[in-house]
C-alpha atoms as a PDB file:
ATOM      1  CA  MET A   1     183.726 195.048 124.211  1.00  0.00           C
ATOM      2  CA  LYS A   2     187.116 195.143 122.474  1.00  0.00           C
ATOM      3  CA  LEU A   3     188.356 192.361 124.729  1.00  0.00           C
ATOM      4  CA  ASN A   4     185.398 190.141 123.743  1.00  0.00           C
ATOM      5  CA  LEU A   5     186.096 190.693 120.045  1.00  0.00           C
ATOM      6  CA  LEU A   6     189.751 189.841 120.587  1.00  0.00           C
ATOM      7  CA  VAL A   7     188.866 186.653 122.487  1.00  0.00           C
ATOM      8  CA  TYR A   8     186.330 185.583 119.825  1.00  0.00           C
ATOM      9  CA  GLY A   9     188.850 186.351 117.098  1.00  0.00           C
ATOM     10  CA  LEU A  10     191.506 184.203 118.791  1.00  0.00           C
ATOM     11  CA  ILE A  11     189.048 181.349 119.294  1.00  0.00           C
ATOM     12  CA  ALA A  12     188.017 181.497 115.654  1.00  0.00           C
ATOM     13  CA  LEU A  13     191.667 181.533 114.581  1.00  0.00           C
ATOM     14  CA  VAL A  14     192.475 178.513 116.754  1.00  0.00           C
ATOM     15  CA  LEU A  15     189.540 176.556 115.303  1.00  0.00           C
ATOM     16  CA  VAL A  16     189.532 177.700 111.671  1.00  0.00           C
ATOM     17  CA  VAL A  17     193.221 177.412 110.744  1.00  0.00           C
ATOM     18  CA  PRO A  18     193.714 173.764 111.848  1.00  0.00           C
ATOM     19  CA  GLY A  19     190.281 172.897 110.415  1.00  0.00           C
ATOM     20  CA  TYR A  20     191.305 174.317 107.048  1.00  0.00           C
ATOM     21  CA  PHE A  21     194.432 172.149 106.897  1.00  0.00           C
ATOM     22  CA  ILE A  22     192.608 169.015 108.061  1.00  0.00           C
ATOM     23  CA  ILE A  23     189.810 169.443 105.518  1.00  0.00           C
ATOM     24  CA  SER A  24     192.138 170.359 102.636  1.00  0.00           C
ATOM     25  CA  ASP A  25     194.254 167.279 103.418  1.00  0.00           C
ATOM     26  CA  MET A  26     191.137 165.073 103.415  1.00  0.00           C
ATOM     27  CA  PHE A  27     190.151 166.279  99.945  1.00  0.00           C
ATOM     28  CA  SER A  28     193.599 166.508  98.380  1.00  0.00           C
ATOM     29  CA  GLU A  29     194.385 164.128  95.563  1.00  0.00           C
ATOM     30  CA  PRO A  30     197.484 161.967  95.551  1.00  0.00           C
ATOM     31  CA  GLU A  31     200.264 163.259  93.352  1.00  0.00           C
ATOM     32  CA  VAL A  32     202.732 161.333  91.235  1.00  0.00           C
ATOM     33  CA  GLY A  33     205.522 160.190  93.551  1.00  0.00           C
ATOM     34  CA  ASP A  34     203.259 159.749  96.584  1.00  0.00           C
ATOM     35  CA  CYS A  35     203.258 156.365  98.317  1.00  0.00           C
ATOM     36  CA  ALA A  36     200.263 154.481  99.623  1.00  0.00           C
ATOM     37  CA  GLU A  37     199.136 151.455 101.559  1.00  0.00           C
ATOM     38  CA  PRO A  38     196.278 149.446 100.066  1.00  0.00           C
ATOM     39  CA  ILE A  39     193.419 148.833 102.478  1.00  0.00           C
ATOM     40  CA  GLY A  40     190.986 146.027 101.641  1.00  0.00           C
ATOM     41  CA  THR A  41     187.290 146.787 102.022  1.00  0.00           C
ATOM     42  CA  SER A  42     184.421 144.530 103.028  1.00  0.00           C
ATOM     43  CA  ASP A  43     183.126 144.360  99.438  1.00  0.00           C
ATOM     44  CA  GLY A  44     186.415 142.905  98.163  1.00  0.00           C
ATOM     45  CA  SER A  45     187.732 146.120  96.591  1.00  0.00           C
ATOM     46  CA  PHE A  46     190.436 148.355  98.052  1.00  0.00           C
ATOM     47  CA  ASP A  47     191.247 151.953  98.913  1.00  0.00           C
ATOM     48  CA  MET A  48     194.685 153.547  98.911  1.00  0.00           C
ATOM     49  CA  ASP A  49     195.763 155.280 102.109  1.00  0.00           C
ATOM     50  CA  GLU A  50     198.499 157.838 101.407  1.00  0.00           C
ATOM     51  CA  THR A  51     201.554 157.359 103.607  1.00  0.00           C
ATOM     52  CA  SER A  52     205.231 158.259 103.754  1.00  0.00           C
ATOM     53  CA  CYS A  53     207.357 156.369 101.223  1.00  0.00           C
ATOM     54  CA  ALA A  54     209.686 155.383 104.090  1.00  0.00           C
ATOM     55  CA  SER A  55     206.824 153.765 106.010  1.00  0.00           C
ATOM     56  CA  PRO A  56     206.862 149.940 106.136  1.00  0.00           C
ATOM     57  CA  GLU A  57     203.202 149.985 105.063  1.00  0.00           C
ATOM     58  CA  ALA A  58     203.933 151.928 101.843  1.00  0.00           C
ATOM     59  CA  ALA A  59     203.784 148.984  99.452  1.00  0.00           C
ATOM     60  CA  TYR A  60     202.938 151.108  96.381  1.00  0.00           C
ATOM     61  CA  ARG A  61     204.035 154.364  94.738  1.00  0.00           C
ATOM     62  CA  LEU A  62     201.905 156.425  92.340  1.00  0.00           C
ATOM     63  CA  VAL A  63     203.814 156.831  89.060  1.00  0.00           C
ATOM     64  CA  LYS A  64     201.122 157.957  86.640  1.00  0.00           C
ATOM     65  CA  LEU A  65     197.705 159.601  86.651  1.00  0.00           C
ATOM     66  CA  GLU A  66     195.728 159.078  83.443  1.00  0.00           C
ATOM     67  CA  MET A  67     192.684 161.233  82.707  1.00  0.00           C
ATOM     68  CA  LYS A  68     191.694 160.080  79.224  1.00  0.00           C
ATOM     69  CA  LYS A  69     192.862 156.469  79.050  1.00  0.00           C
ATOM     70  CA  SER A  70     193.731 153.636  81.380  1.00  0.00           C
ATOM     71  CA  CYS A  71     197.190 152.869  82.717  1.00  0.00           C
ATOM     72  CA  PRO A  72     199.800 151.518  80.276  1.00  0.00           C
ATOM     73  CA  GLN A  73     200.051 147.745  79.749  1.00  0.00           C
ATOM     74  CA  GLY A  74     201.825 146.207  82.726  1.00  0.00           C
ATOM     75  CA  ASP A  75     201.312 145.018  86.273  1.00  0.00           C
ATOM     76  CA  TYR A  76     200.140 148.338  87.710  1.00  0.00           C
ATOM     77  CA  LEU A  77     197.758 148.370  90.633  1.00  0.00           C
ATOM     78  CA  VAL A  78     195.029 150.564  89.155  1.00  0.00           C
ATOM     79  CA  GLN A  79     192.604 152.592  91.194  1.00  0.00           C
ATOM     80  CA  THR A  80     189.838 154.287  89.226  1.00  0.00           C
ATOM     81  CA  ALA A  81     187.826 157.268  90.429  1.00  0.00           C
ATOM     82  CA  SER A  82     185.227 159.468  88.779  1.00  0.00           C
ATOM     83  CA  ARG A  83     186.236 162.982  87.798  1.00  0.00           C
ATOM     84  CA  ALA A  84     184.255 165.723  89.485  1.00  0.00           C
ATOM     85  CA  GLY A  85     182.029 167.567  87.050  1.00  0.00           C
ATOM     86  CA  LYS A  86     182.844 165.255  84.141  1.00  0.00           C
ATOM     87  CA  PRO A  87     180.022 162.888  83.199  1.00  0.00           C
ATOM     88  CA  ALA A  88     181.457 159.424  82.583  1.00  0.00           C
ATOM     89  CA  GLY A  89     184.960 160.829  83.081  1.00  0.00           C
ATOM     90  CA  LEU A  90     187.392 158.631  85.008  1.00  0.00           C
ATOM     91  CA  LYS A  91     190.794 159.111  86.576  1.00  0.00           C
ATOM     92  CA  HIS A  92     193.125 156.125  86.597  1.00  0.00           C
ATOM     93  CA  TYR A  93     195.799 156.075  89.300  1.00  0.00           C
ATOM     94  CA  CYS A  94     198.708 153.823  88.239  1.00  0.00           C
ATOM     95  CA  PHE A  95     200.676 152.386  91.181  1.00  0.00           C
ATOM     96  CA  VAL A  96     203.884 150.306  91.089  1.00  0.00           C
ATOM     97  CA  LEU A  97     205.413 148.267  93.896  1.00  0.00           C
ATOM     98  CA  ASN A  98     207.403 150.433  96.298  1.00  0.00           C
ATOM     99  CA  ALA A  99     210.011 147.866  97.328  1.00  0.00           C
ATOM    100  CA  ARG A 100     213.735 147.314  97.645  1.00  0.00           C
ATOM    101  CA  GLU A 101     215.729 144.153  97.090  1.00  0.00           C
ATOM    102  CA  GLY A 102     215.357 141.950 100.164  1.00  0.00           C
ATOM    103  CA  ASP A 103     211.864 143.207 101.078  1.00  0.00           C
ATOM    104  CA  CYS A 104     209.162 140.562 101.483  1.00  0.00           C
ATOM    105  CA  LEU A 105     205.658 140.902 100.100  1.00  0.00           C
ATOM    106  CA  ARG A 106     202.531 138.784 100.176  1.00  0.00           C
ATOM    107  CA  ARG A 107     199.821 138.974  97.565  1.00  0.00           C
ATOM    108  CA  SER A 108     196.252 139.209  98.775  1.00  0.00           C
ATOM    109  CA  SER A 109     193.340 138.972  96.369  1.00  0.00           C
ATOM    110  CA  ALA A 110     193.828 142.429  94.835  1.00  0.00           C
ATOM    111  CA  PHE A 111     197.219 143.745  95.917  1.00  0.00           C
ATOM    112  CA  HIS A 112     200.596 143.100  97.568  1.00  0.00           C
ATOM    113  CA  GLU A 113     201.310 144.003 101.163  1.00  0.00           C
ATOM    114  CA  ARG A 114     204.671 144.230 102.880  1.00  0.00           C
ATOM    115  CA  VAL A 115     205.189 141.442 105.451  1.00  0.00           C
ATOM    116  CA  ALA A 116     208.001 139.965 107.520  1.00  0.00           C
ATOM    117  CA  CYS A 117     210.108 137.514 105.562  1.00  0.00           C
ATOM    118  CA  GLY A 118     209.079 133.964 106.409  1.00  0.00           C
ATOM    119  CA  THR A 119     205.404 134.878 106.697  1.00  0.00           C
ATOM    120  CA  SER A 120     203.195 132.262 105.067  1.00  0.00           C
ATOM    121  CA  GLY A 121     202.782 133.029 101.363  1.00  0.00           C
ATOM    122  CA  SER A 122     205.466 135.706 101.311  1.00  0.00           C
ATOM    123  CA  GLN A 123     207.858 136.347  98.441  1.00  0.00           C
ATOM    124  CA  ARG A 124     211.225 138.119  98.608  1.00  0.00           C
ATOM    125  CA  VAL A 125     212.157 140.871  96.153  1.00  0.00           C
ATOM    126  CA  SER A 126     215.282 139.365  94.596  1.00  0.00           C
ATOM    127  CA  LYS A 127     215.961 141.910  91.850  1.00  0.00           C
ATOM    128  CA  ILE A 128     214.762 145.295  90.606  1.00  0.00           C
ATOM    129  CA  THR A 129     215.851 146.526  87.176  1.00  0.00           C
ATOM    130  CA  ALA A 130     215.284 149.708  85.179  1.00  0.00           C
ATOM    131  CA  SER A 131     213.713 147.893  82.234  1.00  0.00           C
ATOM    132  CA  ALA A 132     210.378 146.173  81.672  1.00  0.00           C
ATOM    133  CA  ASP A 133     211.481 142.634  80.795  1.00  0.00           C
ATOM    134  CA  ARG A 134     209.983 139.532  82.465  1.00  0.00           C
ATOM    135  CA  SER A 135     212.821 137.338  81.185  1.00  0.00           C
ATOM    136  CA  LEU A 136     215.198 139.087  83.622  1.00  0.00           C
ATOM    137  CA  CYS A 137     213.524 137.135  86.454  1.00  0.00           C
ATOM    138  CA  GLY A 138     214.080 133.694  84.947  1.00  0.00           C
ATOM    139  CA  ASP A 139     211.635 131.202  86.481  1.00  0.00           C
ATOM    140  CA  HIS A 140     210.602 133.602  89.259  1.00  0.00           C
ATOM    141  CA  GLU A 141     207.480 135.750  89.324  1.00  0.00           C
ATOM    142  CA  ALA A 142     207.911 139.150  87.689  1.00  0.00           C
ATOM    143  CA  ARG A 143     206.060 142.457  87.927  1.00  0.00           C
ATOM    144  CA  THR A 144     206.808 144.697  84.952  1.00  0.00           C
ATOM    145  CA  TYR A 145     206.008 148.352  84.352  1.00  0.00           C
ATOM    146  CA  PRO A 146     206.806 150.149  81.082  1.00  0.00           C
ATOM    147  CA  GLU A 147     206.370 153.720  82.449  1.00  0.00           C
ATOM    148  CA  PRO A 148     208.726 154.210  84.206  1.00  0.00           C
ATOM    149  CA  ALA A 149     210.527 151.113  82.964  1.00  0.00           C
ATOM    150  CA  MET A 150     210.939 148.691  85.858  1.00  0.00           C
ATOM    151  CA  THR A 151     210.900 144.970  86.584  1.00  0.00           C
ATOM    152  CA  VAL A 152     210.529 143.552  90.080  1.00  0.00           C
ATOM    153  CA  CYS A 153     211.500 139.895  90.544  1.00  0.00           C
ATOM    154  CA  LEU A 154     209.809 137.947  93.352  1.00  0.00           C
ATOM    155  CA  GLU A 155     210.869 134.536  94.670  1.00  0.00           C
ATOM    156  CA  LYS A 156     209.941 132.294  97.568  1.00  0.00           C
ATOM    157  CA  PRO A 157     212.263 132.974 100.534  1.00  0.00           C
END
């Protein structure tokens, strides 16, 4: 009898502990500083798939989570979700490009994705500054973010 209880207890432990971590990870919210890969959906919108910031797919980094208002003015990729238990309450996830100088990106309809340089439609990150000023990019495309202050300059390779 005691052996059966021990065996059942071990089986439950083996199933419950990993299940807890898998389920809690599925329902965890992204935190400021987390990186993500945008995934297009069939209806033309997108979802953000959390990934390591070192991953080549991590084209965006979450820099701000707004509960009462939208993201600051700028070129943020904004994902909006309803707040549990709050009627008409929304959360606004404010993402900036997660790129380094020399990286190549291509813009799809809603977001940028990291691609190999030379890919059709790609742009190379030529400069990243710690201020939100489009004029720093000259004639090239600019993505500016006031919080935290950052400008990303993109040019054709």
